């Protein structure tokens, strides 16, 4: 699919760290289309019918004519000689396309920082680095959106003759992490007899990740419950 099919100007505008996804997505679309062509032409088995050796050309044509004219789901094929059989097309081309499609999808997932599925073979350090990259990208995007909203408010202030524009503030820390990894860290801290204050802070981190969807008041109540338990143990 050429870029002119996507935009009137001819070039598809894309930039930034995720811009490569646009090119890979176009390649993935073309691969899927080519895969459909292979499936349509090579999925179904071919009917074959052997003829005895030293058969004449007329006998071979007659056998082929018998197969071509009689094969169907509502009739009976009459034949002579060897029993007809089916031969399946080679699956090599389709397998090659499937491997390539899976590779393109993996590349898109890596560029897009996909965390929908966790690789079981991924180390804890690699996972933390991946979450740190996601947090950094989200923080950068949030900063740009905050600047855009601030400029929009300033334009509205000048247009409406307001003396002061509303203030705006977008979050910078999204605190994305893997709860299971954080729980393992908490268990190791407890096993290493870390101070109660350290364990309490790790517990707060886990609860802030797990219950990030709660309102701030309820999150503060959970954090206060952890501090209260720390005081009781001391």
Protein backbone atom coordinates (compact mmCIF):
# COMPACT_ATOMS: atom_id res chain seq x y z
CA UNK A 1 0.00 0.00 0.00
CA UNK A 2 1.65 3.27 -1.08
CA UNK A 3 1.70 6.25 1.26
CA UNK A 4 -0.41 8.24 -1.22
CA UNK A 5 -3.33 5.94 -0.42
CA UNK A 6 -3.26 7.10 3.19
CA UNK A 7 -2.89 10.85 2.86
CA UNK A 8 -3.73 13.51 0.30
CA UNK A 9 -0.23 14.94 0.44
CA UNK A 10 1.42 11.67 -0.49
CA UNK A 11 3.59 11.13 2.60
CA UNK A 12 2.27 9.71 5.84
CA UNK A 13 3.37 12.11 8.63
CA UNK A 14 5.10 10.17 11.39
CA UNK A 15 7.94 11.03 13.76
CA UNK A 16 9.16 10.27 17.24
CA UNK A 17 10.28 7.03 18.94
CA UNK A 18 7.19 5.11 17.78
CA UNK A 19 7.30 6.23 14.14
CA UNK A 20 8.68 2.91 12.94
CA UNK A 21 5.37 1.27 13.87
CA UNK A 22 3.73 2.98 10.88
CA UNK A 23 6.13 1.37 8.39
CA UNK A 24 5.97 -2.00 10.12
CA UNK A 25 2.17 -1.90 10.20
CA UNK A 26 2.06 -1.28 6.45
CA UNK A 27 4.45 -4.19 5.93
CA UNK A 28 2.31 -6.37 8.19
CA UNK A 29 -0.80 -5.48 6.17
CA UNK A 30 0.94 -6.47 2.94
CA UNK A 31 2.16 -9.74 4.45
CA UNK A 32 -1.36 -10.61 5.59
CA UNK A 33 -2.68 -9.88 2.09
CA UNK A 34 -0.02 -12.05 0.47
CA UNK A 35 -0.78 -14.77 3.02
CA UNK A 36 -4.45 -14.70 2.00
CA UNK A 37 -3.43 -15.28 -1.62
CA UNK A 38 -1.39 -18.32 -0.61
CA UNK A 39 -4.22 -19.75 1.48
CA UNK A 40 -6.74 -19.28 -1.31
CA UNK A 41 -4.54 -21.00 -3.88
CA UNK A 42 -2.84 -23.71 -1.81
CA UNK A 43 -5.07 -24.64 1.13
CA UNK A 44 -7.17 -27.31 -0.53
CA UNK A 45 -5.78 -30.69 -1.49
CA UNK A 46 -5.62 -31.72 -5.15
CA UNK A 47 -7.36 -34.83 -6.44
CA UNK A 48 -5.06 -37.21 -8.30
CA UNK A 49 -5.72 -40.46 -10.13
CA UNK A 50 -2.99 -42.86 -11.12
CA UNK A 51 -3.12 -44.60 -14.46
CA UNK A 52 -1.40 -47.87 -15.28
CA UNK A 53 2.08 -47.72 -16.70
CA UNK A 54 2.45 -47.74 -20.48
CA UNK A 55 -0.97 -46.08 -20.77
CA UNK A 56 -1.64 -44.20 -23.97
CA UNK A 57 -2.29 -40.49 -24.05
CA UNK A 58 -5.92 -41.19 -24.88
CA UNK A 59 -6.27 -43.36 -21.77
CA UNK A 60 -4.69 -40.66 -19.61
CA UNK A 61 -7.04 -38.03 -21.00
CA UNK A 62 -10.01 -40.31 -20.45
CA UNK A 63 -9.03 -40.82 -16.81
CA UNK A 64 -8.63 -37.08 -16.29
CA UNK A 65 -11.95 -36.46 -17.99
CA UNK A 66 -13.64 -39.00 -15.71
CA UNK A 67 -12.30 -37.27 -12.62
CA UNK A 68 -13.10 -33.77 -13.84
CA UNK A 69 -16.64 -34.50 -14.91
CA UNK A 70 -17.80 -36.72 -12.07
CA UNK A 71 -16.18 -35.38 -8.91
CA UNK A 72 -18.63 -33.69 -6.52
CA UNK A 73 -20.52 -34.04 -3.26
CA UNK A 74 -23.76 -35.15 -4.89
CA UNK A 75 -22.56 -37.78 -7.34
CA UNK A 76 -20.44 -40.89 -7.63
CA UNK A 77 -17.11 -41.04 -9.40
CA UNK A 78 -16.64 -44.13 -11.52
CA UNK A 79 -13.06 -45.05 -12.34
CA UNK A 80 -10.89 -47.91 -13.46
CA UNK A 81 -7.37 -48.78 -12.47
CA UNK A 82 -5.72 -47.40 -9.38
CA UNK A 83 -7.78 -45.73 -6.63
CA UNK A 84 -7.91 -41.91 -6.74
CA UNK A 85 -6.11 -40.06 -3.92
CA UNK A 86 -5.53 -36.54 -2.65
CA UNK A 87 -2.20 -34.76 -2.51
CA UNK A 88 -1.72 -31.77 -0.21
CA UNK A 89 0.18 -28.68 -1.39
CA UNK A 90 3.47 -27.87 0.28
CA UNK A 91 2.99 -25.83 3.48
CA UNK A 92 6.46 -24.27 3.21
CA UNK A 93 5.40 -20.91 1.68
CA UNK A 94 2.61 -20.44 4.23
CA UNK A 95 4.92 -21.33 7.13
CA UNK A 96 7.51 -18.84 5.87
CA UNK A 97 4.92 -16.06 5.80
CA UNK A 98 3.62 -16.99 9.27
CA UNK A 99 7.12 -16.77 10.76
CA UNK A 100 7.69 -13.42 9.11
CA UNK A 101 4.33 -12.08 10.30
CA UNK A 102 5.07 -13.19 13.88
CA UNK A 103 8.47 -11.47 13.69
CA UNK A 104 6.91 -8.20 12.51
CA UNK A 105 4.36 -8.35 15.32
CA UNK A 106 7.15 -8.90 17.86
CA UNK A 107 9.00 -5.86 16.52
CA UNK A 108 5.86 -3.74 16.77
CA UNK A 109 5.35 -4.95 20.34
CA UNK A 110 8.94 -4.08 21.28
CA UNK A 111 8.77 -0.59 19.79
CA UNK A 112 5.35 0.01 21.33
CA UNK A 113 6.58 -1.17 24.75
CA UNK A 114 3.84 -3.77 24.90
CA UNK A 115 3.37 -5.18 28.40
CA UNK A 116 0.14 -7.10 27.82
CA UNK A 117 2.00 -10.39 28.17
CA UNK A 118 5.06 -10.91 30.34
CA UNK A 119 7.86 -13.07 29.00
CA UNK A 120 8.45 -15.77 31.61
CA UNK A 121 12.14 -15.94 30.62
CA UNK A 122 12.64 -12.22 31.10
CA UNK A 123 14.83 -11.32 34.06
CA UNK A 124 13.70 -9.02 36.82
CA UNK A 125 16.22 -6.36 35.81
CA UNK A 126 15.05 -6.43 32.17
CA UNK A 127 11.44 -6.15 33.30
CA UNK A 128 12.24 -3.16 35.53
CA UNK A 129 14.05 -1.46 32.64
CA UNK A 130 11.06 -2.04 30.39
CA UNK A 131 8.67 -0.53 32.92
CA UNK A 132 11.09 2.38 33.42
CA UNK A 133 11.03 3.02 29.66
CA UNK A 134 7.23 3.02 29.66
CA UNK A 135 7.13 5.43 32.61
CA UNK A 136 9.57 7.73 30.82
CA UNK A 137 7.52 7.75 27.61
CA UNK A 138 4.28 8.36 29.52
CA UNK A 139 5.90 11.15 31.50
CA UNK A 140 7.18 12.77 28.31
CA UNK A 141 3.77 12.50 26.65
CA UNK A 142 2.08 13.90 29.76
CA UNK A 143 4.43 16.87 29.73
CA UNK A 144 3.63 17.66 26.11
CA UNK A 145 -0.10 17.40 26.77
CA UNK A 146 0.23 19.71 29.77
CA UNK A 147 2.03 22.26 27.62
CA UNK A 148 -0.66 21.96 24.93
CA UNK A 149 -3.44 22.52 27.46
CA UNK A 150 -1.62 25.48 28.99
CA UNK A 151 -1.26 27.10 25.55
CA UNK A 152 -4.93 26.47 24.81
CA UNK A 153 -5.92 28.14 28.07
CA UNK A 154 -3.65 31.10 27.32
CA UNK A 155 -5.23 31.50 23.88
CA UNK A 156 -8.70 31.34 25.48
CA UNK A 157 -7.66 33.91 28.09
CA UNK A 158 -6.57 36.38 25.41
CA UNK A 159 -9.68 35.76 23.33
CA UNK A 160 -12.10 36.13 26.25
CA UNK A 161 -10.20 38.99 27.89
CA UNK A 162 -9.58 37.06 31.12
CA UNK A 163 -7.05 38.40 33.60
CA UNK A 164 -5.69 34.97 34.49
CA UNK A 165 -5.81 31.56 32.84
CA UNK A 166 -6.58 28.42 34.85
CA UNK A 167 -3.58 26.44 35.99
CA UNK A 168 -3.08 22.93 34.68
CA UNK A 169 -0.89 20.10 35.87
CA UNK A 170 -0.53 16.60 34.44
CA UNK A 171 1.02 13.69 36.35
CA UNK A 172 4.66 12.87 35.77
CA UNK A 173 5.09 9.59 37.66
CA UNK A 174 2.77 6.80 36.53
CA UNK A 175 4.39 4.24 38.83
CA UNK A 176 4.09 1.30 36.44
CA UNK A 177 5.61 -1.89 37.80
CA UNK A 178 5.01 -5.62 38.09
CA UNK A 179 3.23 -6.46 41.35
CA UNK A 180 4.57 -10.03 41.40
CA UNK A 181 8.16 -8.79 41.15
CA UNK A 182 7.55 -6.24 43.89
CA UNK A 183 6.07 -8.95 46.13
CA UNK A 184 9.17 -11.09 45.61
CA UNK A 185 11.31 -8.11 46.61
CA UNK A 186 9.18 -7.66 49.74
CA UNK A 187 9.61 -11.35 50.63
CA UNK A 188 13.38 -11.10 50.18
CA UNK A 189 13.46 -7.99 52.38
CA UNK A 190 11.55 -9.80 55.09
CA UNK A 191 13.86 -12.81 54.78
CA UNK A 192 16.91 -10.55 55.07
CA UNK A 193 15.51 -9.00 58.27
CA UNK A 194 15.34 -5.50 56.82
CA UNK A 195 14.15 -2.72 59.17
CA UNK A 196 10.42 -2.39 59.60
CA UNK A 197 10.48 1.06 58.04
CA UNK A 198 12.00 -0.35 54.83
CA UNK A 199 9.44 -3.15 54.67
CA UNK A 200 6.65 -0.63 55.27
CA UNK A 201 7.84 1.53 52.37
CA UNK A 202 7.96 -1.49 50.07
CA UNK A 203 4.45 -2.44 51.21
CA UNK A 204 3.26 1.07 50.38
CA UNK A 205 4.81 0.79 46.93
CA UNK A 206 2.98 -2.48 46.29
CA UNK A 207 -0.37 -1.11 47.44
CA UNK A 208 0.06 2.06 45.39
CA UNK A 209 0.63 -0.06 42.28
CA UNK A 210 -2.14 -2.54 42.99
CA UNK A 211 -4.72 0.09 43.99
CA UNK A 212 -3.70 2.91 41.66
CA UNK A 213 -7.30 3.19 40.43
CA UNK A 214 -8.60 4.23 43.84
CA UNK A 215 -9.11 7.85 44.77
CA UNK A 216 -6.35 9.61 46.71
CA UNK A 217 -8.28 9.57 49.98
CA UNK A 218 -8.57 5.78 50.01
CA UNK A 219 -4.94 5.38 49.01
CA UNK A 220 -3.92 7.61 51.91
CA UNK A 221 -6.04 5.46 54.25
CA UNK A 222 -4.22 2.30 53.10
CA UNK A 223 -0.86 3.99 53.58
CA UNK A 224 -1.90 5.15 57.06
CA UNK A 225 -2.94 1.57 57.93
CA UNK A 226 0.57 0.36 57.03
CA UNK A 227 2.14 3.05 59.23
CA UNK A 228 -0.23 2.16 62.07
CA UNK A 229 0.76 -1.49 61.87
CA UNK A 230 4.43 -0.44 61.95
CA UNK A 231 3.81 1.49 65.18
CA UNK A 232 2.00 -1.45 66.72
CA UNK A 233 4.88 -3.85 66.01
CA UNK A 234 7.34 -1.47 67.61
